[in-house]
PDB file of all heavy atoms in Angstrom:
ATOM      1  N   ALA A   1       1.942  22.430  -5.042  1.00  0.00           N
ATOM      2  CA  ALA A   1       2.403  23.433  -4.145  1.00  0.00           C
ATOM      3  C   ALA A   1       3.347  24.404  -4.803  1.00  0.00           C
ATOM      4  O   ALA A   1       4.206  24.103  -5.613  1.00  0.00           O
ATOM      5  CB  ALA A   1       3.106  22.671  -2.955  1.00  0.00           C
ATOM      6  N   SER A   2       3.351  25.708  -4.363  1.00  0.00           N
ATOM      7  CA  SER A   2       4.047  26.740  -4.957  1.00  0.00           C
ATOM      8  C   SER A   2       5.371  26.945  -4.019  1.00  0.00           C
ATOM      9  O   SER A   2       5.423  26.306  -3.006  1.00  0.00           O
ATOM     10  CB  SER A   2       3.335  28.056  -4.942  1.00  0.00           C
ATOM     11  OG  SER A   2       2.761  28.412  -3.725  1.00  0.00           O
ATOM     12  N   GLU A   3       6.216  27.809  -4.442  1.00  0.00           N
ATOM     13  CA  GLU A   3       7.455  27.997  -3.778  1.00  0.00           C
ATOM     14  C   GLU A   3       7.188  28.477  -2.240  1.00  0.00           C
ATOM     15  O   GLU A   3       6.278  29.365  -2.023  1.00  0.00           O
ATOM     16  CB  GLU A   3       8.328  29.155  -4.420  1.00  0.00           C
ATOM     17  CG  GLU A   3       9.756  29.287  -3.884  1.00  0.00           C
ATOM     18  CD  GLU A   3      10.642  30.086  -4.790  1.00  0.00           C
ATOM     19  OE1 GLU A   3      10.176  30.711  -5.705  1.00  0.00           O
ATOM     20  OE2 GLU A   3      11.800  30.200  -4.365  1.00  0.00           O
ATOM     21  N   ASN A   4       7.900  28.054  -1.383  1.00  0.00           N
ATOM     22  CA  ASN A   4       7.819  28.195   0.123  1.00  0.00           C
ATOM     23  C   ASN A   4       6.459  27.633   0.647  1.00  0.00           C
ATOM     24  O   ASN A   4       6.140  27.961   1.806  1.00  0.00           O
ATOM     25  CB  ASN A   4       8.031  29.720   0.346  1.00  0.00           C
ATOM     26  CG  ASN A   4       9.190  30.177   0.102  1.00  0.00           C
ATOM     27  OD1 ASN A   4      10.310  29.612   0.243  1.00  0.00           O
ATOM     28  ND2 ASN A   4       9.288  31.502  -0.567  1.00  0.00           N
ATOM     29  N   SER A   5       5.815  26.828  -0.050  1.00  0.00           N
ATOM     30  CA  SER A   5       4.564  26.124   0.452  1.00  0.00           C
ATOM     31  C   SER A   5       4.955  24.770   1.080  1.00  0.00           C
ATOM     32  O   SER A   5       5.913  24.122   0.520  1.00  0.00           O
ATOM     33  CB  SER A   5       3.512  26.011  -0.576  1.00  0.00           C
ATOM     34  OG  SER A   5       3.040  27.228  -0.943  1.00  0.00           O
ATOM     35  N   GLY A   6       4.131  24.161   1.869  1.00  0.00           N
ATOM     36  CA  GLY A   6       4.276  22.846   2.297  1.00  0.00           C
ATOM     37  C   GLY A   6       4.182  21.850   1.228  1.00  0.00           C
ATOM     38  O   GLY A   6       3.237  22.012   0.314  1.00  0.00           O
ATOM     39  N   CYS A   7       4.927  20.767   1.207  1.00  0.00           N
ATOM     40  CA  CYS A   7       4.821  19.755   0.109  1.00  0.00           C
ATOM     41  C   CYS A   7       5.150  18.344   0.613  1.00  0.00           C
ATOM     42  O   CYS A   7       5.603  18.214   1.684  1.00  0.00           O
ATOM     43  CB  CYS A   7       5.843  20.150  -1.056  1.00  0.00           C
ATOM     44  SG  CYS A   7       7.547  20.133  -0.373  1.00  0.00           S
ATOM     45  N   SER A   8       4.833  17.368  -0.187  1.00  0.00           N
ATOM     46  CA  SER A   8       5.285  15.966  -0.063  1.00  0.00           C
ATOM     47  C   SER A   8       6.073  15.635  -1.189  1.00  0.00           C
ATOM     48  O   SER A   8       5.727  16.063  -2.351  1.00  0.00           O
ATOM     49  CB  SER A   8       3.966  15.015   0.096  1.00  0.00           C
ATOM     50  OG  SER A   8       3.297  15.313   1.124  1.00  0.00           O
ATOM     51  N   PRO A   9       7.057  14.822  -1.011  1.00  0.00           N
ATOM     52  CA  PRO A   9       7.706  14.253  -2.229  1.00  0.00           C
ATOM     53  C   PRO A   9       6.751  13.405  -3.055  1.00  0.00           C
ATOM     54  O   PRO A   9       5.757  12.958  -2.523  1.00  0.00           O
ATOM     55  CB  PRO A   9       8.868  13.404  -1.643  1.00  0.00           C
ATOM     56  CG  PRO A   9       9.025  13.786  -0.272  1.00  0.00           C
ATOM     57  CD  PRO A   9       7.650  14.330   0.150  1.00  0.00           C
ATOM     58  N   LYS A  10       6.965  13.299  -4.407  1.00  0.00           N
ATOM     59  CA  LYS A  10       6.143  12.477  -5.241  1.00  0.00           C
ATOM     60  C   LYS A  10       6.167  11.045  -4.670  1.00  0.00           C
ATOM     61  O   LYS A  10       7.102  10.498  -4.133  1.00  0.00           O
ATOM     62  CB  LYS A  10       6.688  12.469  -6.658  1.00  0.00           C
ATOM     63  CG  LYS A  10       6.463  13.835  -7.287  1.00  0.00           C
ATOM     64  CD  LYS A  10       6.790  13.721  -8.757  1.00  0.00           C
ATOM     65  CE  LYS A  10       6.356  15.208  -9.386  1.00  0.00           C
ATOM     66  NZ  LYS A  10       6.534  15.180 -10.754  1.00  0.00           N
ATOM     67  N   THR A  11       4.888  10.371  -4.822  1.00  0.00           N
ATOM     68  CA  THR A  11       4.715   8.966  -4.246  1.00  0.00           C
ATOM     69  C   THR A  11       4.109   8.079  -5.369  1.00  0.00           C
ATOM     70  O   THR A  11       3.450   8.611  -6.274  1.00  0.00           O
ATOM     71  CB  THR A  11       3.848   9.109  -3.106  1.00  0.00           C
ATOM     72  OG1 THR A  11       3.501   7.797  -2.711  1.00  0.00           O
ATOM     73  CG2 THR A  11       2.548   9.757  -3.336  1.00  0.00           C
ATOM     74  N   ILE A  12       4.362   6.890  -5.298  1.00  0.00           N
ATOM     75  CA  ILE A  12       3.792   5.951  -6.125  1.00  0.00           C
ATOM     76  C   ILE A  12       2.294   5.652  -5.837  1.00  0.00           C
ATOM     77  O   ILE A  12       1.607   5.061  -6.624  1.00  0.00           O
ATOM     78  CB  ILE A  12       4.503   4.556  -6.182  1.00  0.00           C
ATOM     79  CG1 ILE A  12       4.486   3.796  -4.784  1.00  0.00           C
ATOM     80  CG2 ILE A  12       5.924   4.833  -6.684  1.00  0.00           C
ATOM     81  CD1 ILE A  12       4.934   2.507  -4.639  1.00  0.00           C
ATOM     82  N   TYR A  13       1.834   6.139  -4.688  1.00  0.00           N
ATOM     83  CA  TYR A  13       0.435   5.829  -4.154  1.00  0.00           C
ATOM     84  C   TYR A  13      -0.680   6.547  -4.881  1.00  0.00           C
ATOM     85  O   TYR A  13      -1.725   6.285  -5.009  1.00  0.00           O
ATOM     86  CB  TYR A  13       0.313   5.862  -2.667  1.00  0.00           C
ATOM     87  CG  TYR A  13       1.285   5.060  -2.077  1.00  0.00           C
ATOM     88  CD1 TYR A  13       2.439   5.499  -1.266  1.00  0.00           C
ATOM     89  CD2 TYR A  13       1.317   3.680  -2.112  1.00  0.00           C
ATOM     90  CE1 TYR A  13       3.281   4.739  -0.723  1.00  0.00           C
ATOM     91  CE2 TYR A  13       2.291   2.756  -1.524  1.00  0.00           C
ATOM     92  CZ  TYR A  13       3.320   3.400  -0.818  1.00  0.00           C
ATOM     93  OH  TYR A  13       4.111   2.569  -0.260  1.00  0.00           O
ATOM     94  N   GLY A  14      -0.327   7.820  -5.346  1.00  0.00           N
ATOM     95  CA  GLY A  14      -1.197   8.605  -6.052  1.00  0.00           C
ATOM     96  C   GLY A  14      -2.114   9.560  -5.337  1.00  0.00           C
ATOM     97  O   GLY A  14      -2.907  10.259  -5.862  1.00  0.00           O
ATOM     98  N   ILE A  15      -2.091   9.467  -3.921  1.00  0.00           N
ATOM     99  CA  ILE A  15      -2.837  10.461  -3.031  1.00  0.00           C
ATOM    100  C   ILE A  15      -1.867  10.971  -2.106  1.00  0.00           C
ATOM    101  O   ILE A  15      -1.058  10.318  -1.439  1.00  0.00           O
ATOM    102  CB  ILE A  15      -3.951   9.661  -2.369  1.00  0.00           C
ATOM    103  CG1 ILE A  15      -4.963   9.102  -3.358  1.00  0.00           C
ATOM    104  CG2 ILE A  15      -4.719  10.538  -1.375  1.00  0.00           C
ATOM    105  CD1 ILE A  15      -6.137   8.343  -2.831  1.00  0.00           C
ATOM    106  N   TYR A  16      -2.105  12.311  -1.806  1.00  0.00           N
ATOM    107  CA  TYR A  16      -1.137  13.022  -0.894  1.00  0.00           C
ATOM    108  C   TYR A  16      -1.813  13.770   0.207  1.00  0.00           C
ATOM    109  O   TYR A  16      -3.025  14.142   0.137  1.00  0.00           O
ATOM    110  CB  TYR A  16      -0.457  14.168  -1.740  1.00  0.00           C
ATOM    111  CG  TYR A  16       0.364  13.715  -2.901  1.00  0.00           C
ATOM    112  CD1 TYR A  16      -0.201  13.481  -4.213  1.00  0.00           C
ATOM    113  CD2 TYR A  16       1.688  13.330  -2.759  1.00  0.00           C
ATOM    114  CE1 TYR A  16       0.625  13.075  -5.241  1.00  0.00           C
ATOM    115  CE2 TYR A  16       2.435  12.872  -3.859  1.00  0.00           C
ATOM    116  CZ  TYR A  16       1.948  12.780  -5.038  1.00  0.00           C
ATOM    117  OH  TYR A  16       2.701  12.323  -6.035  1.00  0.00           O
ATOM    118  N   TYR A  17      -1.037  14.015   1.339  1.00  0.00           N
ATOM    119  CA  TYR A  17      -1.532  14.749   2.406  1.00  0.00           C
ATOM    120  C   TYR A  17      -1.207  16.191   2.016  1.00  0.00           C
ATOM    121  O   TYR A  17      -1.900  17.154   2.360  1.00  0.00           O
ATOM    122  CB  TYR A  17      -0.797  14.417   3.700  1.00  0.00           C
ATOM    123  CG  TYR A  17      -1.501  13.191   4.410  1.00  0.00           C
ATOM    124  CD1 TYR A  17      -0.947  12.003   4.343  1.00  0.00           C
ATOM    125  CD2 TYR A  17      -2.731  13.355   5.026  1.00  0.00           C
ATOM    126  CE1 TYR A  17      -1.568  10.913   4.945  1.00  0.00           C
ATOM    127  CE2 TYR A  17      -3.360  12.304   5.607  1.00  0.00           C
ATOM    128  CZ  TYR A  17      -2.728  11.062   5.597  1.00  0.00           C
ATOM    129  OH  TYR A  17      -3.296   9.998   6.090  1.00  0.00           O
ATOM    130  N   LEU A  18      -0.101  16.465   1.397  1.00  0.00           N
ATOM    131  CA  LEU A  18       0.258  17.748   0.815  1.00  0.00           C
ATOM    132  C   LEU A  18       0.794  17.460  -0.594  1.00  0.00           C
ATOM    133  O   LEU A  18       1.580  16.485  -0.921  1.00  0.00           O
ATOM    134  CB  LEU A  18       1.467  18.369   1.578  1.00  0.00           C
ATOM    135  CG  LEU A  18       1.227  18.789   2.928  1.00  0.00           C
ATOM    136  CD1 LEU A  18       2.391  19.220   3.737  1.00  0.00           C
ATOM    137  CD2 LEU A  18       0.231  19.862   3.096  1.00  0.00           C
ATOM    138  N   CYS A  19       0.456  18.330  -1.515  1.00  0.00           N
ATOM    139  CA  CYS A  19       0.764  18.076  -2.970  1.00  0.00           C
ATOM    140  C   CYS A  19       2.281  18.278  -3.200  1.00  0.00           C
ATOM    141  O   CYS A  19       2.953  19.007  -2.531  1.00  0.00           O
ATOM    142  CB  CYS A  19      -0.017  19.051  -3.946  1.00  0.00           C
ATOM    143  SG  CYS A  19      -1.802  18.566  -3.895  1.00  0.00           S
ATOM    144  N   PRO A  20       2.804  17.548  -4.252  1.00  0.00           N
ATOM    145  CA  PRO A  20       4.203  17.798  -4.600  1.00  0.00           C
ATOM    146  C   PRO A  20       4.332  19.211  -5.163  1.00  0.00           C
ATOM    147  O   PRO A  20       3.254  20.021  -5.515  1.00  0.00           O
ATOM    148  CB  PRO A  20       4.485  16.728  -5.662  1.00  0.00           C
ATOM    149  CG  PRO A  20       3.191  16.185  -5.912  1.00  0.00           C
ATOM    150  CD  PRO A  20       2.157  16.482  -5.118  1.00  0.00           C
ATOM    151  N   CYS A  21       5.476  19.682  -5.435  1.00  0.00           N
ATOM    152  CA  CYS A  21       5.724  21.059  -5.921  1.00  0.00           C
ATOM    153  C   CYS A  21       5.507  21.217  -7.374  1.00  0.00           C
ATOM    154  O   CYS A  21       5.455  20.117  -8.132  1.00  0.00           O
ATOM    155  CB  CYS A  21       7.265  21.353  -5.733  1.00  0.00           C
ATOM    156  SG  CYS A  21       7.966  21.296  -4.007  1.00  0.00           S
ATOM    157  N   GLU A  22       5.188  22.483  -7.751  1.00  0.00           N
ATOM    158  CA  GLU A  22       5.029  22.852  -9.155  1.00  0.00           C
ATOM    159  C   GLU A  22       6.451  22.617  -9.889  1.00  0.00           C
ATOM    160  O   GLU A  22       7.501  22.403  -9.270  1.00  0.00           O
ATOM    161  CB  GLU A  22       4.763  24.302  -9.196  1.00  0.00           C
ATOM    162  CG  GLU A  22       3.527  24.814  -8.632  1.00  0.00           C
ATOM    163  CD  GLU A  22       3.319  26.261  -8.654  1.00  0.00           C
ATOM    164  OE1 GLU A  22       4.285  27.022  -8.675  1.00  0.00           O
ATOM    165  OE2 GLU A  22       2.148  26.808  -8.395  1.00  0.00           O
ATOM    166  N   ARG A  23       6.312  22.417 -11.135  1.00  0.00           N
ATOM    167  CA  ARG A  23       7.393  22.231 -11.967  1.00  0.00           C
ATOM    168  C   ARG A  23       8.557  23.243 -11.718  1.00  0.00           C
ATOM    169  O   ARG A  23       8.257  24.400 -11.623  1.00  0.00           O
ATOM    170  CB  ARG A  23       7.003  22.291 -13.491  1.00  0.00           C
ATOM    171  CG  ARG A  23       8.122  21.878 -14.430  1.00  0.00           C
ATOM    172  CD  ARG A  23       7.667  22.066 -15.872  1.00  0.00           C
ATOM    173  NE  ARG A  23       6.433  21.374 -16.042  1.00  0.00           N
ATOM    174  CZ  ARG A  23       6.103  20.476 -16.910  1.00  0.00           C
ATOM    175  NH1 ARG A  23       7.078  19.921 -17.709  1.00  0.00           N
ATOM    176  NH2 ARG A  23       4.888  20.004 -17.008  1.00  0.00           N
ATOM    177  N   GLY A  24       9.779  22.667 -11.685  1.00  0.00           N
ATOM    178  CA  GLY A  24      10.901  23.548 -11.420  1.00  0.00           C
ATOM    179  C   GLY A  24      11.402  23.785 -10.041  1.00  0.00           C
ATOM    180  O   GLY A  24      12.413  24.311  -9.638  1.00  0.00           O
ATOM    181  N   LEU A  25      10.388  23.333  -9.209  1.00  0.00           N
ATOM    182  CA  LEU A  25      10.758  23.407  -7.624  1.00  0.00           C
ATOM    183  C   LEU A  25      11.037  22.082  -7.097  1.00  0.00           C
ATOM    184  O   LEU A  25      10.594  21.052  -7.573  1.00  0.00           O
ATOM    185  CB  LEU A  25       9.529  24.073  -6.850  1.00  0.00           C
ATOM    186  CG  LEU A  25       8.992  25.401  -7.378  1.00  0.00           C
ATOM    187  CD1 LEU A  25       7.779  25.885  -6.549  1.00  0.00           C
ATOM    188  CD2 LEU A  25      10.145  26.411  -7.153  1.00  0.00           C
ATOM    189  N   VAL A  26      11.696  21.832  -5.987  1.00  0.00           N
ATOM    190  CA  VAL A  26      12.038  20.726  -5.248  1.00  0.00           C
ATOM    191  C   VAL A  26      11.369  20.734  -3.866  1.00  0.00           C
ATOM    192  O   VAL A  26      11.360  21.709  -3.320  1.00  0.00           O
ATOM    193  CB  VAL A  26      13.595  20.385  -5.274  1.00  0.00           C
ATOM    194  CG1 VAL A  26      14.020  20.189  -6.656  1.00  0.00           C
ATOM    195  CG2 VAL A  26      14.271  21.415  -4.606  1.00  0.00           C
ATOM    196  N   CYS A  27      10.949  19.525  -3.395  1.00  0.00           N
ATOM    197  CA  CYS A  27      10.448  19.479  -2.120  1.00  0.00           C
ATOM    198  C   CYS A  27      11.640  19.063  -1.152  1.00  0.00           C
ATOM    199  O   CYS A  27      12.058  17.936  -1.117  1.00  0.00           O
ATOM    200  CB  CYS A  27       9.362  18.478  -2.094  1.00  0.00           C
ATOM    201  SG  CYS A  27       8.429  18.374  -0.479  1.00  0.00           S
ATOM    202  N   GLU A  28      12.079  20.095  -0.311  1.00  0.00           N
ATOM    203  CA  GLU A  28      13.055  19.787   0.671  1.00  0.00           C
ATOM    204  C   GLU A  28      12.437  19.087   1.843  1.00  0.00           C
ATOM    205  O   GLU A  28      11.809  19.800   2.664  1.00  0.00           O
ATOM    206  CB  GLU A  28      13.809  21.098   1.065  1.00  0.00           C
ATOM    207  CG  GLU A  28      14.583  21.664  -0.153  1.00  0.00           C
ATOM    208  CD  GLU A  28      15.780  20.937  -0.558  1.00  0.00           C
ATOM    209  OE1 GLU A  28      16.284  20.068   0.266  1.00  0.00           O
ATOM    210  OE2 GLU A  28      16.128  21.020  -1.705  1.00  0.00           O
ATOM    211  N   ALA A  29      12.514  17.665   1.941  1.00  0.00           N
ATOM    212  CA  ALA A  29      11.845  16.965   2.901  1.00  0.00           C
ATOM    213  C   ALA A  29      12.490  15.750   3.361  1.00  0.00           C
ATOM    214  O   ALA A  29      13.640  15.389   2.702  1.00  0.00           O
ATOM    215  CB  ALA A  29      10.447  16.572   2.365  1.00  0.00           C
ATOM    216  N   ASP A  30      12.092  15.139   4.396  1.00  0.00           N
ATOM    217  CA  ASP A  30      12.604  13.795   4.911  1.00  0.00           C
ATOM    218  C   ASP A  30      12.276  12.783   3.925  1.00  0.00           C
ATOM    219  O   ASP A  30      11.067  12.384   3.726  1.00  0.00           O
ATOM    220  CB  ASP A  30      12.055  13.481   6.248  1.00  0.00           C
ATOM    221  CG  ASP A  30      12.458  12.139   6.757  1.00  0.00           C
ATOM    222  OD1 ASP A  30      13.308  11.511   6.176  1.00  0.00           O
ATOM    223  OD2 ASP A  30      11.947  11.651   7.731  1.00  0.00           O
ATOM    224  N   LYS A  31      13.144  12.247   3.041  1.00  0.00           N
ATOM    225  CA  LYS A  31      12.840  11.318   2.039  1.00  0.00           C
ATOM    226  C   LYS A  31      13.226   9.860   2.421  1.00  0.00           C
ATOM    227  O   LYS A  31      13.255   8.959   1.610  1.00  0.00           O
ATOM    228  CB  LYS A  31      13.548  11.675   0.682  1.00  0.00           C
ATOM    229  CG  LYS A  31      13.019  13.073   0.184  1.00  0.00           C
ATOM    230  CD  LYS A  31      13.703  13.347  -0.997  1.00  0.00           C
ATOM    231  CE  LYS A  31      13.095  14.794  -1.491  1.00  0.00           C
ATOM    232  NZ  LYS A  31      13.876  15.473  -2.489  1.00  0.00           N
ATOM    233  N   SER A  32      13.394   9.579   3.797  1.00  0.00           N
ATOM    234  CA  SER A  32      13.710   8.390   4.285  1.00  0.00           C
ATOM    235  C   SER A  32      12.410   7.392   4.255  1.00  0.00           C
ATOM    236  O   SER A  32      11.354   7.919   4.266  1.00  0.00           O
ATOM    237  CB  SER A  32      14.249   8.440   5.658  1.00  0.00           C
ATOM    238  OG  SER A  32      13.260   8.699   6.607  1.00  0.00           O
ATOM    239  N   ILE A  33      12.679   6.142   4.344  1.00  0.00           N
ATOM    240  CA  ILE A  33      11.778   5.215   4.373  1.00  0.00           C
ATOM    241  C   ILE A  33      10.837   5.383   5.624  1.00  0.00           C
ATOM    242  O   ILE A  33       9.644   5.210   5.654  1.00  0.00           O
ATOM    243  CB  ILE A  33      12.138   3.715   4.194  1.00  0.00           C
ATOM    244  CG1 ILE A  33      10.966   2.823   3.996  1.00  0.00           C
ATOM    245  CG2 ILE A  33      12.953   3.330   5.378  1.00  0.00           C
ATOM    246  CD1 ILE A  33      10.285   2.870   2.761  1.00  0.00           C
ATOM    247  N   ILE A  34      11.553   5.797   6.763  1.00  0.00           N
ATOM    248  CA  ILE A  34      10.783   6.039   7.970  1.00  0.00           C
ATOM    249  C   ILE A  34       9.815   7.213   7.901  1.00  0.00           C
ATOM    250  O   ILE A  34       8.561   7.151   8.206  1.00  0.00           O
ATOM    251  CB  ILE A  34      11.754   6.259   9.113  1.00  0.00           C
ATOM    252  CG1 ILE A  34      12.792   5.029   9.388  1.00  0.00           C
ATOM    253  CG2 ILE A  34      10.971   6.657  10.418  1.00  0.00           C
ATOM    254  CD1 ILE A  34      11.914   3.825   9.653  1.00  0.00           C
ATOM    255  N   GLY A  35      10.309   8.332   7.061  1.00  0.00           N
ATOM    256  CA  GLY A  35       9.461   9.435   6.995  1.00  0.00           C
ATOM    257  C   GLY A  35       8.233   9.071   6.155  1.00  0.00           C
ATOM    258  O   GLY A  35       7.113   9.595   6.364  1.00  0.00           O
ATOM    259  N   THR A  36       8.438   8.175   5.200  1.00  0.00           N
ATOM    260  CA  THR A  36       7.239   7.832   4.385  1.00  0.00           C
ATOM    261  C   THR A  36       6.395   6.985   5.033  1.00  0.00           C
ATOM    262  O   THR A  36       5.178   7.167   5.068  1.00  0.00           O
ATOM    263  CB  THR A  36       7.772   6.991   3.061  1.00  0.00           C
ATOM    264  OG1 THR A  36       8.693   7.774   2.399  1.00  0.00           O
ATOM    265  CG2 THR A  36       6.676   6.505   2.214  1.00  0.00           C
ATOM    266  N   ILE A  37       6.818   5.966   5.913  1.00  0.00           N
ATOM    267  CA  ILE A  37       5.893   5.100   6.662  1.00  0.00           C
ATOM    268  C   ILE A  37       5.176   5.939   7.745  1.00  0.00           C
ATOM    269  O   ILE A  37       3.932   5.736   7.957  1.00  0.00           O
ATOM    270  CB  ILE A  37       6.784   3.980   7.285  1.00  0.00           C
ATOM    271  CG1 ILE A  37       7.278   2.997   6.226  1.00  0.00           C
ATOM    272  CG2 ILE A  37       5.910   3.168   8.332  1.00  0.00           C
ATOM    273  CD1 ILE A  37       8.244   2.169   6.650  1.00  0.00           C
ATOM    274  N   THR A  38       5.807   6.883   8.396  1.00  0.00           N
ATOM    275  CA  THR A  38       5.128   7.545   9.531  1.00  0.00           C
ATOM    276  C   THR A  38       4.543   8.949   9.008  1.00  0.00           C
ATOM    277  O   THR A  38       4.004   9.606   9.822  1.00  0.00           O
ATOM    278  CB  THR A  38       6.340   7.928  10.573  1.00  0.00           C
ATOM    279  OG1 THR A  38       7.227   8.781   9.957  1.00  0.00           O
ATOM    280  CG2 THR A  38       6.885   6.733  11.216  1.00  0.00           C
ATOM    281  N   ASN A  39       4.522   9.050   7.829  1.00  0.00           N
ATOM    282  CA  ASN A  39       3.815  10.234   7.166  1.00  0.00           C
ATOM    283  C   ASN A  39       4.444  11.584   7.760  1.00  0.00           C
ATOM    284  O   ASN A  39       3.705  12.479   8.083  1.00  0.00           O
ATOM    285  CB  ASN A  39       2.340  10.243   7.325  1.00  0.00           C
ATOM    286  CG  ASN A  39       1.674  11.187   6.495  1.00  0.00           C
ATOM    287  OD1 ASN A  39       2.092  11.567   5.367  1.00  0.00           O
ATOM    288  ND2 ASN A  39       0.535  11.722   6.944  1.00  0.00           N
ATOM    289  N   THR A  40       5.686  11.602   7.902  1.00  0.00           N
ATOM    290  CA  THR A  40       6.399  12.859   8.309  1.00  0.00           C
ATOM    291  C   THR A  40       7.366  13.376   7.296  1.00  0.00           C
ATOM    292  O   THR A  40       8.130  14.087   7.511  1.00  0.00           O
ATOM    293  CB  THR A  40       7.177  12.507   9.639  1.00  0.00           C
ATOM    294  OG1 THR A  40       8.155  11.451   9.443  1.00  0.00           O
ATOM    295  CG2 THR A  40       6.301  12.095  10.795  1.00  0.00           C
ATOM    296  N   ASN A  41       7.153  12.923   6.043  1.00  0.00           N
ATOM    297  CA  ASN A  41       8.096  13.314   4.973  1.00  0.00           C
ATOM    298  C   ASN A  41       7.657  14.537   4.261  1.00  0.00           C
ATOM    299  O   ASN A  41       7.753  14.804   3.007  1.00  0.00           O
ATOM    300  CB  ASN A  41       8.130  12.117   3.944  1.00  0.00           C
ATOM    301  CG  ASN A  41       6.915  11.777   3.311  1.00  0.00           C
ATOM    302  OD1 ASN A  41       5.833  12.103   3.865  1.00  0.00           O
ATOM    303  ND2 ASN A  41       6.853  11.081   2.207  1.00  0.00           N
TER     304      ASN A  41
END
């Protein structure tokens, strides 16, 4: 994902609904365990 695009934080599972950010960018997202479980992160 590029700047201002939708993203998912990096995961140990290896498959994403939205890709993590390009190098140098951060994914401003819900990083709680609930967000991960409910796929709202």
